[in-house]
C-alpha atoms as a PDB file:
ATOM      1  CA  MET A   1      31.661 133.899 -24.137  1.00  0.00           C
ATOM      2  CA  LYS A   2      33.860 131.237 -22.433  1.00  0.00           C
ATOM      3  CA  ALA A   3      37.680 131.649 -22.411  1.00  0.00           C
ATOM      4  CA  LYS A   4      39.146 128.787 -23.659  1.00  0.00           C
ATOM      5  CA  LYS A   5      41.194 126.798 -21.519  1.00  0.00           C
ATOM      6  CA  LYS A   6      44.897 126.450 -21.735  1.00  0.00           C
ATOM      7  CA  VAL A   7      46.259 122.804 -22.159  1.00  0.00           C
ATOM      8  CA  PRO A   8      49.341 122.312 -20.204  1.00  0.00           C
ATOM      9  CA  VAL A   9      52.100 121.011 -22.432  1.00  0.00           C
ATOM     10  CA  ARG A  10      55.423 119.110 -21.713  1.00  0.00           C
ATOM     11  CA  LYS A  11      58.315 117.895 -23.428  1.00  0.00           C
ATOM     12  CA  CYS A  12      59.187 114.312 -23.595  1.00  0.00           C
ATOM     13  CA  LEU A  13      62.847 113.456 -22.403  1.00  0.00           C
ATOM     14  CA  GLY A  14      63.150 110.577 -25.077  1.00  0.00           C
ATOM     15  CA  CYS A  15      61.693 112.091 -28.382  1.00  0.00           C
ATOM     16  CA  GLY A  16      61.635 115.754 -27.542  1.00  0.00           C
ATOM     17  CA  GLU A  17      58.201 116.000 -28.719  1.00  0.00           C
ATOM     18  CA  GLN A  18      55.948 118.770 -26.974  1.00  0.00           C
ATOM     19  CA  LYS A  19      52.871 116.843 -25.919  1.00  0.00           C
ATOM     20  CA  ALA A  20      49.936 117.397 -23.691  1.00  0.00           C
ATOM     21  CA  LYS A  21      50.684 116.925 -19.850  1.00  0.00           C
ATOM     22  CA  LYS A  22      47.929 114.478 -19.610  1.00  0.00           C
ATOM     23  CA  GLU A  23      49.567 112.083 -22.330  1.00  0.00           C
ATOM     24  CA  LEU A  24      52.801 112.112 -20.938  1.00  0.00           C
ATOM     25  CA  VAL A  25      54.273 109.985 -17.606  1.00  0.00           C
ATOM     26  CA  ARG A  26      55.919 111.818 -15.153  1.00  0.00           C
ATOM     27  CA  VAL A  27      58.956 110.554 -13.199  1.00  0.00           C
ATOM     28  CA  VAL A  28      59.434 112.663 -10.052  1.00  0.00           C
ATOM     29  CA  ARG A  29      62.297 113.136  -7.702  1.00  0.00           C
ATOM     30  CA  THR A  30      60.601 113.681  -4.242  1.00  0.00           C
ATOM     31  CA  PRO A  31      61.539 116.027  -1.387  1.00  0.00           C
ATOM     32  CA  GLU A  32      63.448 113.027   0.257  1.00  0.00           C
ATOM     33  CA  GLY A  33      65.484 112.409  -2.999  1.00  0.00           C
ATOM     34  CA  ALA A  34      63.658 109.225  -3.958  1.00  0.00           C
ATOM     35  CA  ILE A  35      62.932 108.846  -7.894  1.00  0.00           C
ATOM     36  CA  VAL A  36      59.721 107.315  -8.547  1.00  0.00           C
ATOM     37  CA  LEU A  37      56.985 107.226 -11.361  1.00  0.00           C
ATOM     38  CA  ASP A  38      54.070 109.438 -10.960  1.00  0.00           C
ATOM     39  CA  LEU A  39      51.081 108.252 -12.726  1.00  0.00           C
ATOM     40  CA  THR A  40      48.972 110.668 -11.246  1.00  0.00           C
ATOM     41  CA  GLY A  41      51.070 113.675 -11.821  1.00  0.00           C
ATOM     42  CA  LYS A  42      50.375 115.072  -8.343  1.00  0.00           C
ATOM     43  CA  LYS A  43      53.258 114.138  -6.198  1.00  0.00           C
ATOM     44  CA  SER A  44      55.545 117.060  -4.953  1.00  0.00           C
ATOM     45  CA  GLY A  45      58.977 117.504  -6.234  1.00  0.00           C
ATOM     46  CA  ARG A  46      60.842 118.044  -9.265  1.00  0.00           C
ATOM     47  CA  GLY A  47      59.363 116.089 -12.174  1.00  0.00           C
ATOM     48  CA  ALA A  48      60.695 114.931 -15.911  1.00  0.00           C
ATOM     49  CA  TYR A  49      58.036 113.793 -18.462  1.00  0.00           C
ATOM     50  CA  ILE A  50      58.146 111.020 -21.017  1.00  0.00           C
ATOM     51  CA  CYS A  51      55.977 109.574 -23.384  1.00  0.00           C
ATOM     52  CA  PRO A  52      54.303 106.245 -22.039  1.00  0.00           C
ATOM     53  CA  ASN A  53      56.522 103.869 -24.198  1.00  0.00           C
ATOM     54  CA  LYS A  54      59.871 102.028 -23.838  1.00  0.00           C
ATOM     55  CA  GLU A  55      61.527 103.663 -26.561  1.00  0.00           C
ATOM     56  CA  CYS A  56      61.368 107.034 -25.206  1.00  0.00           C
ATOM     57  CA  PHE A  57      62.220 105.614 -21.718  1.00  0.00           C
ATOM     58  CA  ARG A  58      65.427 104.051 -23.175  1.00  0.00           C
ATOM     59  CA  LYS A  59      66.446 107.151 -25.070  1.00  0.00           C
ATOM     60  CA  ALA A  60      66.138 109.399 -22.246  1.00  0.00           C
ATOM     61  CA  ARG A  61      68.242 106.632 -19.965  1.00  0.00           C
ATOM     62  CA  ARG A  62      70.818 106.465 -22.597  1.00  0.00           C
ATOM     63  CA  GLY A  63      71.311 110.223 -23.070  1.00  0.00           C
ATOM     64  CA  LYS A  64      71.185 110.676 -19.078  1.00  0.00           C
ATOM     65  CA  ARG A  65      68.320 113.039 -19.693  1.00  0.00           C
ATOM     66  CA  PHE A  66      66.648 111.888 -16.409  1.00  0.00           C
ATOM     67  CA  GLU A  67      69.848 112.778 -14.424  1.00  0.00           C
ATOM     68  CA  LYS A  68      70.157 116.039 -16.029  1.00  0.00           C
ATOM     69  CA  SER A  69      66.466 116.900 -15.787  1.00  0.00           C
ATOM     70  CA  LEU A  70      65.967 115.827 -11.981  1.00  0.00           C
ATOM     71  CA  GLU A  71      69.619 117.006 -10.885  1.00  0.00           C
ATOM     72  CA  VAL A  72      70.486 113.606  -9.396  1.00  0.00           C
ATOM     73  CA  PRO A  73      72.452 110.666 -10.207  1.00  0.00           C
ATOM     74  CA  ILE A  74      70.212 107.628 -10.879  1.00  0.00           C
ATOM     75  CA  SER A  75      70.962 103.731 -10.090  1.00  0.00           C
ATOM     76  CA  ALA A  76      70.467 101.202 -12.488  1.00  0.00           C
ATOM     77  CA  GLU A  77      68.075  99.577  -9.871  1.00  0.00           C
ATOM     78  CA  VAL A  78      66.104 102.504  -9.991  1.00  0.00           C
ATOM     79  CA  TYR A  79      65.708 102.656 -14.089  1.00  0.00           C
ATOM     80  CA  GLU A  80      64.810  98.969 -13.660  1.00  0.00           C
ATOM     81  CA  VAL A  81      62.107  99.615 -11.367  1.00  0.00           C
ATOM     82  CA  ILE A  82      60.724 102.652 -13.247  1.00  0.00           C
ATOM     83  CA  GLU A  83      60.894 100.306 -16.329  1.00  0.00           C
ATOM     84  CA  ARG A  84      58.901  97.687 -14.698  1.00  0.00           C
ATOM     85  CA  GLU A  85      56.155 100.195 -13.420  1.00  0.00           C
ATOM     86  CA  LEU A  86      56.196 101.688 -16.824  1.00  0.00           C
ATOM     87  CA  ASP A  87      55.322  98.106 -18.233  1.00  0.00           C
ATOM     88  CA  GLU A  88      52.872  97.325 -15.428  1.00  0.00           C
ATOM     89  CA  SER A  89      50.908 100.683 -16.008  1.00  0.00           C
ATOM     90  CA  GLY A  90      49.730  99.081 -19.190  1.00  0.00           C
ATOM     91  CA  GLU A  91      51.012 101.617 -21.481  1.00  0.00           C
END
């Protein structure tokens, strides 16, 4: 009998719901300190996850949850770039 594969689960910083890792979008702090959207989920660095919608992104931003999770202050410009990339990813 085949063992059931465990599905990795992560918590959205916006709504706080536990979801399958594949359903969420990863925001990563690279080893160089840059904050980028990681649509592949494979970049190295510290990651934080959000649902791929603007509402969760805005909630996480308002509550400074990205800063807490990634352990660095994040500028408004970086947030704008991430929000634009979220829009472009078609989510």
